[in-house]
């Protein structure tokens, strides 16, 4: 499908940069290019090399053609084997999947839904589940993030995704942006773009939400929406527990200085 700048339904609040970055697909809700973000020293992240998304199970023929046009041949999938089996990806010809399961160590989606159906899950409980998850994410995601970054260096253009494209994918994007030198305010702004698509009444998320009883919808919306304090918490853990992004990249992700330099050289332009 064409990028958002060709889509008449794009939000009126989008800047020209947002319109260039956000991709509107038939079968995926939360797709965008990581390009266009600015670093603290005035460089810009290159377009067309790294994309983030929700799952690819429902991609249309037009969506697949768009990925092929963008030369996406590598897809890094953060989902568990159970998630993959339930919703296998559709890929363009020649594309390969790099499996990088990201075990958050929290409640599974099935367990959360069981609590919801039983009437045991409130908006406050949903908020706490996500805070706990984001607090663990920068440690739980270490193997997945390392795999992703090395895939970007060796196999770009790359698309990476989880199920909804918000939590695991959001933290991974924040880690990449941090390594590249994008400031925190921009990282949070990028993370919050997820909500523009989720709250679009024509979105697949809203259509699915309508299938649930009214008393469950607020809780499901609370689970689906991005909040600044979620991604801020993940970034705080990197700074407070791991000594900042440079130490995190070297000591936790086991990236060499040469790999960090290669990532920056690939993804940044003057």
Protein backbone atom coordinates (compact mmCIF):
# COMPACT_ATOMS: atom_id res chain seq x y z
CA UNK A 1 0.00 0.00 0.00
CA UNK A 2 1.13 3.61 -0.46
CA UNK A 3 2.66 5.56 2.40
CA UNK A 4 0.51 7.76 4.58
CA UNK A 5 1.26 10.90 2.60
CA UNK A 6 -0.91 9.46 -0.18
CA UNK A 7 -3.70 8.48 2.17
CA UNK A 8 -6.57 10.96 2.53
CA UNK A 9 -7.45 9.59 5.95
CA UNK A 10 -4.13 10.52 7.56
CA UNK A 11 -4.57 12.52 10.74
CA UNK A 12 -4.73 16.28 10.27
CA UNK A 13 -2.32 16.61 13.19
CA UNK A 14 0.46 14.76 11.38
CA UNK A 15 3.54 16.75 10.41
CA UNK A 16 5.10 16.23 6.96
CA UNK A 17 7.65 13.98 8.66
CA UNK A 18 4.90 11.83 10.20
CA UNK A 19 3.20 11.55 6.83
CA UNK A 20 6.41 10.32 5.25
CA UNK A 21 7.15 7.83 8.00
CA UNK A 22 3.74 6.24 8.59
CA UNK A 23 2.67 3.50 6.16
CA UNK A 24 -0.98 2.59 5.72
CA UNK A 25 -1.42 -1.11 5.02
CA UNK A 26 -4.63 -3.06 4.51
CA UNK A 27 -3.60 -5.87 6.83
CA UNK A 28 -1.32 -4.25 9.41
CA UNK A 29 -2.24 -1.41 11.71
CA UNK A 30 1.00 0.00 13.06
CA UNK A 31 3.65 0.23 10.34
CA UNK A 32 6.23 2.97 10.01
CA UNK A 33 9.71 3.75 8.78
CA UNK A 34 12.30 4.60 11.44
CA UNK A 35 13.77 7.18 9.08
CA UNK A 36 13.61 10.93 9.52
CA UNK A 37 14.35 11.18 13.23
CA UNK A 38 17.03 13.72 14.19
CA UNK A 39 19.96 13.10 16.51
CA UNK A 40 21.35 15.46 19.12
CA UNK A 41 24.33 16.28 16.87
CA UNK A 42 22.16 17.19 13.89
CA UNK A 43 22.23 13.98 11.86
CA UNK A 44 19.13 12.26 10.53
CA UNK A 45 18.07 8.61 10.47
CA UNK A 46 17.97 7.35 6.87
CA UNK A 47 14.68 6.30 5.31
CA UNK A 48 14.07 2.93 3.71
CA UNK A 49 16.33 0.75 5.85
CA UNK A 50 14.38 -0.17 9.00
CA UNK A 51 10.64 -0.57 9.49
CA UNK A 52 8.55 -1.46 12.54
CA UNK A 53 5.13 -3.13 12.52
CA UNK A 54 2.50 -5.22 14.21
CA UNK A 55 2.10 -8.81 13.01
CA UNK A 56 2.00 -9.62 9.30
CA UNK A 57 -0.62 -12.37 9.31
CA UNK A 58 -3.27 -10.37 7.43
CA UNK A 59 -1.19 -8.58 4.82
CA UNK A 60 -2.96 -8.06 1.52
CA UNK A 61 -1.44 -8.57 -1.92
CA UNK A 62 -0.96 -4.80 -2.13
CA UNK A 63 0.81 -4.79 1.25
CA UNK A 64 3.15 -7.55 0.09
CA UNK A 65 3.85 -5.66 -3.12
CA UNK A 66 4.72 -2.55 -1.10
CA UNK A 67 7.22 -4.50 1.03
CA UNK A 68 8.71 -5.98 -2.12
CA UNK A 69 8.99 -2.51 -3.66
CA UNK A 70 10.82 -1.36 -0.55
CA UNK A 71 13.19 -4.36 -0.87
CA UNK A 72 12.31 -5.76 2.56
CA UNK A 73 13.87 -9.21 2.55
CA UNK A 74 14.46 -9.72 6.26
CA UNK A 75 11.74 -9.81 8.91
CA UNK A 76 12.76 -10.05 12.57
CA UNK A 77 9.89 -11.57 14.54
CA UNK A 78 9.82 -11.03 18.31
CA UNK A 79 6.80 -13.30 18.88
CA UNK A 80 6.78 -16.61 20.72
CA UNK A 81 6.33 -19.89 18.85
CA UNK A 82 2.73 -20.01 20.11
CA UNK A 83 2.01 -16.54 18.72
CA UNK A 84 3.61 -17.42 15.40
CA UNK A 85 1.62 -20.64 15.13
CA UNK A 86 -1.64 -18.81 15.84
CA UNK A 87 -0.96 -16.05 13.30
CA UNK A 88 1.75 -17.01 10.80
CA UNK A 89 3.29 -14.18 8.81
CA UNK A 90 2.63 -13.45 5.15
CA UNK A 91 5.82 -12.36 3.41
CA UNK A 92 6.80 -11.08 -0.04
CA UNK A 93 8.67 -13.48 -2.33
CA UNK A 94 12.24 -14.11 -1.22
CA UNK A 95 11.83 -12.65 2.26
CA UNK A 96 13.11 -14.62 5.23
CA UNK A 97 12.14 -14.58 8.89
CA UNK A 98 14.70 -14.23 11.64
CA UNK A 99 13.09 -15.59 14.79
CA UNK A 100 14.05 -13.59 17.89
CA UNK A 101 11.53 -14.52 20.60
CA UNK A 102 11.18 -11.80 23.22
CA UNK A 103 9.97 -13.42 26.42
CA UNK A 104 8.79 -10.59 28.64
CA UNK A 105 8.32 -12.91 31.60
CA UNK A 106 4.89 -11.50 32.40
CA UNK A 107 1.36 -12.74 31.90
CA UNK A 108 0.68 -14.23 28.49
CA UNK A 109 -2.00 -12.70 26.31
CA UNK A 110 -4.15 -15.75 26.98
CA UNK A 111 -3.86 -15.33 30.74
CA UNK A 112 -4.73 -11.64 30.48
CA UNK A 113 -7.79 -12.46 28.39
CA UNK A 114 -8.87 -15.11 30.90
CA UNK A 115 -8.69 -12.48 33.64
CA UNK A 116 -10.67 -10.09 31.47
CA UNK A 117 -13.42 -12.61 30.74
CA UNK A 118 -13.60 -13.49 34.44
CA UNK A 119 -14.12 -9.82 35.28
CA UNK A 120 -10.89 -9.70 37.30
CA UNK A 121 -9.05 -7.16 35.17
CA UNK A 122 -9.50 -3.41 35.66
CA UNK A 123 -7.96 -0.45 33.84
CA UNK A 124 -5.67 0.09 36.84
CA UNK A 125 -4.59 -3.55 36.76
CA UNK A 126 -3.95 -3.32 33.02
CA UNK A 127 -1.79 -0.23 33.59
CA UNK A 128 0.25 -2.03 36.24
CA UNK A 129 0.71 -5.10 34.03
CA UNK A 130 2.23 -2.89 31.36
CA UNK A 131 4.41 -0.95 33.78
CA UNK A 132 5.80 -4.23 35.15
CA UNK A 133 6.38 -5.49 31.62
CA UNK A 134 8.23 -2.36 30.48
CA UNK A 135 10.30 -2.38 33.65
CA UNK A 136 11.59 -5.84 32.68
CA UNK A 137 11.74 -5.30 28.95
CA UNK A 138 15.26 -3.92 28.57
CA UNK A 139 16.67 -7.03 30.26
CA UNK A 140 14.20 -9.57 28.87
CA UNK A 141 14.70 -8.26 25.34
CA UNK A 142 18.50 -8.40 25.27
CA UNK A 143 18.84 -11.46 22.97
CA UNK A 144 16.12 -10.15 20.64
CA UNK A 145 17.62 -6.66 20.44
CA UNK A 146 21.09 -8.03 19.69
CA UNK A 147 19.69 -10.23 16.92
CA UNK A 148 17.76 -7.30 15.48
CA UNK A 149 20.70 -4.91 15.44
CA UNK A 150 23.03 -7.44 13.83
CA UNK A 151 20.34 -8.22 11.26
CA UNK A 152 20.07 -4.50 10.46
CA UNK A 153 23.82 -4.22 10.00
CA UNK A 154 24.06 -7.32 7.81
CA UNK A 155 20.69 -7.63 6.07
CA UNK A 156 18.92 -4.28 5.64
CA UNK A 157 16.28 -3.31 4.70
CA UNK A 158 14.74 -4.98 7.76
CA UNK A 159 11.24 -4.99 9.22
CA UNK A 160 10.85 -5.97 12.87
CA UNK A 161 7.62 -6.64 14.71
CA UNK A 162 5.79 -8.31 17.57
CA UNK A 163 2.02 -8.86 17.82
CA UNK A 164 0.66 -5.33 18.19
CA UNK A 165 3.74 -3.34 17.26
CA UNK A 166 3.67 -1.33 20.50
CA UNK A 167 5.35 -3.00 23.45
CA UNK A 168 8.24 -5.25 22.40
CA UNK A 169 8.60 -3.41 19.11
CA UNK A 170 8.34 -0.04 20.84
CA UNK A 171 11.16 -0.78 23.26
CA UNK A 172 13.34 -2.16 20.45
CA UNK A 173 12.81 1.03 18.44
CA UNK A 174 13.68 3.10 21.51
CA UNK A 175 16.92 1.15 21.97
CA UNK A 176 17.92 1.68 18.33
CA UNK A 177 17.07 5.38 18.44
CA UNK A 178 19.02 5.77 21.69
CA UNK A 179 22.12 4.14 20.20
CA UNK A 180 21.83 6.47 17.21
CA UNK A 181 21.63 9.53 19.48
CA UNK A 182 17.96 10.49 19.06
CA UNK A 183 16.83 12.47 22.10
CA UNK A 184 14.26 11.14 24.53
CA UNK A 185 11.46 13.54 23.60
CA UNK A 186 11.52 12.33 19.99
CA UNK A 187 11.66 8.69 21.09
CA UNK A 188 8.56 9.17 23.23
CA UNK A 189 6.80 11.03 20.41
CA UNK A 190 7.51 8.18 18.01
CA UNK A 191 6.26 5.64 20.52
CA UNK A 192 3.00 7.56 20.98
CA UNK A 193 2.21 7.50 17.24
CA UNK A 194 0.75 4.03 17.82
CA UNK A 195 -2.28 5.63 19.45
CA UNK A 196 -3.26 7.58 16.35
CA UNK A 197 -3.92 4.34 14.51
CA UNK A 198 -5.53 2.49 17.41
CA UNK A 199 -8.06 5.25 18.05
CA UNK A 200 -9.02 5.56 14.37
CA UNK A 201 -12.60 4.26 14.40
CA UNK A 202 -12.07 2.49 11.07
CA UNK A 203 -9.00 0.62 12.31
CA UNK A 204 -8.97 -3.14 12.70
CA UNK A 205 -8.25 -2.62 16.41
CA UNK A 206 -11.47 -0.65 16.87
CA UNK A 207 -13.43 -3.18 14.82
CA UNK A 208 -12.11 -6.01 16.97
CA UNK A 209 -12.79 -3.99 20.12
CA UNK A 210 -16.45 -3.68 19.13
CA UNK A 211 -16.78 -7.48 19.30
CA UNK A 212 -16.28 -7.45 23.08
CA UNK A 213 -18.83 -6.57 25.76
CA UNK A 214 -18.92 -2.87 26.55
CA UNK A 215 -17.60 -3.39 30.08
CA UNK A 216 -14.45 -5.05 28.66
CA UNK A 217 -13.64 -2.43 26.04
CA UNK A 218 -12.11 0.13 28.39
CA UNK A 219 -9.74 -2.49 29.78
CA UNK A 220 -8.77 -3.70 26.31
CA UNK A 221 -8.18 -0.13 25.22
CA UNK A 222 -6.00 0.43 28.28
CA UNK A 223 -3.92 -2.61 27.30
CA UNK A 224 -3.64 -1.47 23.69
CA UNK A 225 -2.82 2.21 24.08
CA UNK A 226 0.68 3.62 24.47
CA UNK A 227 1.43 5.83 27.47
CA UNK A 228 4.57 7.94 27.84
CA UNK A 229 5.37 6.50 31.27
CA UNK A 230 5.75 3.01 29.76
CA UNK A 231 8.56 3.84 27.38
CA UNK A 232 10.03 6.39 29.82
CA UNK A 233 10.35 3.58 32.36
CA UNK A 234 12.26 1.39 29.91
CA UNK A 235 14.63 4.26 29.13
CA UNK A 236 15.05 5.01 32.85
CA UNK A 237 16.09 1.39 33.45
CA UNK A 238 18.75 1.66 30.74
CA UNK A 239 20.10 4.84 32.34
CA UNK A 240 19.72 3.85 35.99
CA UNK A 241 20.45 0.13 36.05
CA UNK A 242 22.69 -0.35 33.03
CA UNK A 243 24.73 2.86 33.09
CA UNK A 244 23.34 4.51 29.96
CA UNK A 245 22.93 3.47 26.37
CA UNK A 246 26.64 3.14 25.52
CA UNK A 247 27.23 0.76 28.44
CA UNK A 248 23.99 -1.08 27.69
CA UNK A 249 24.98 -1.64 24.06
CA UNK A 250 28.43 -2.89 24.98
CA UNK A 251 27.84 -4.81 28.22
CA UNK A 252 24.27 -6.10 27.84
CA UNK A 253 23.76 -6.38 24.08
CA UNK A 254 27.39 -7.51 23.63
CA UNK A 255 27.83 -5.21 20.65
CA UNK A 256 31.41 -4.33 19.79
CA UNK A 257 32.40 -0.73 19.21
CA UNK A 258 32.82 -1.67 15.55
CA UNK A 259 29.22 -2.93 15.40
CA UNK A 260 27.88 0.23 17.04
CA UNK A 261 29.88 2.33 14.58
CA UNK A 262 28.58 0.20 11.68
CA UNK A 263 24.98 0.70 12.81
CA UNK A 264 25.44 4.45 13.04
CA UNK A 265 27.25 4.67 9.70
CA UNK A 266 24.48 2.66 8.01
CA UNK A 267 21.49 4.43 9.51
CA UNK A 268 22.67 8.03 9.91
CA UNK A 269 23.18 10.66 7.26
CA UNK A 270 24.74 14.11 7.79
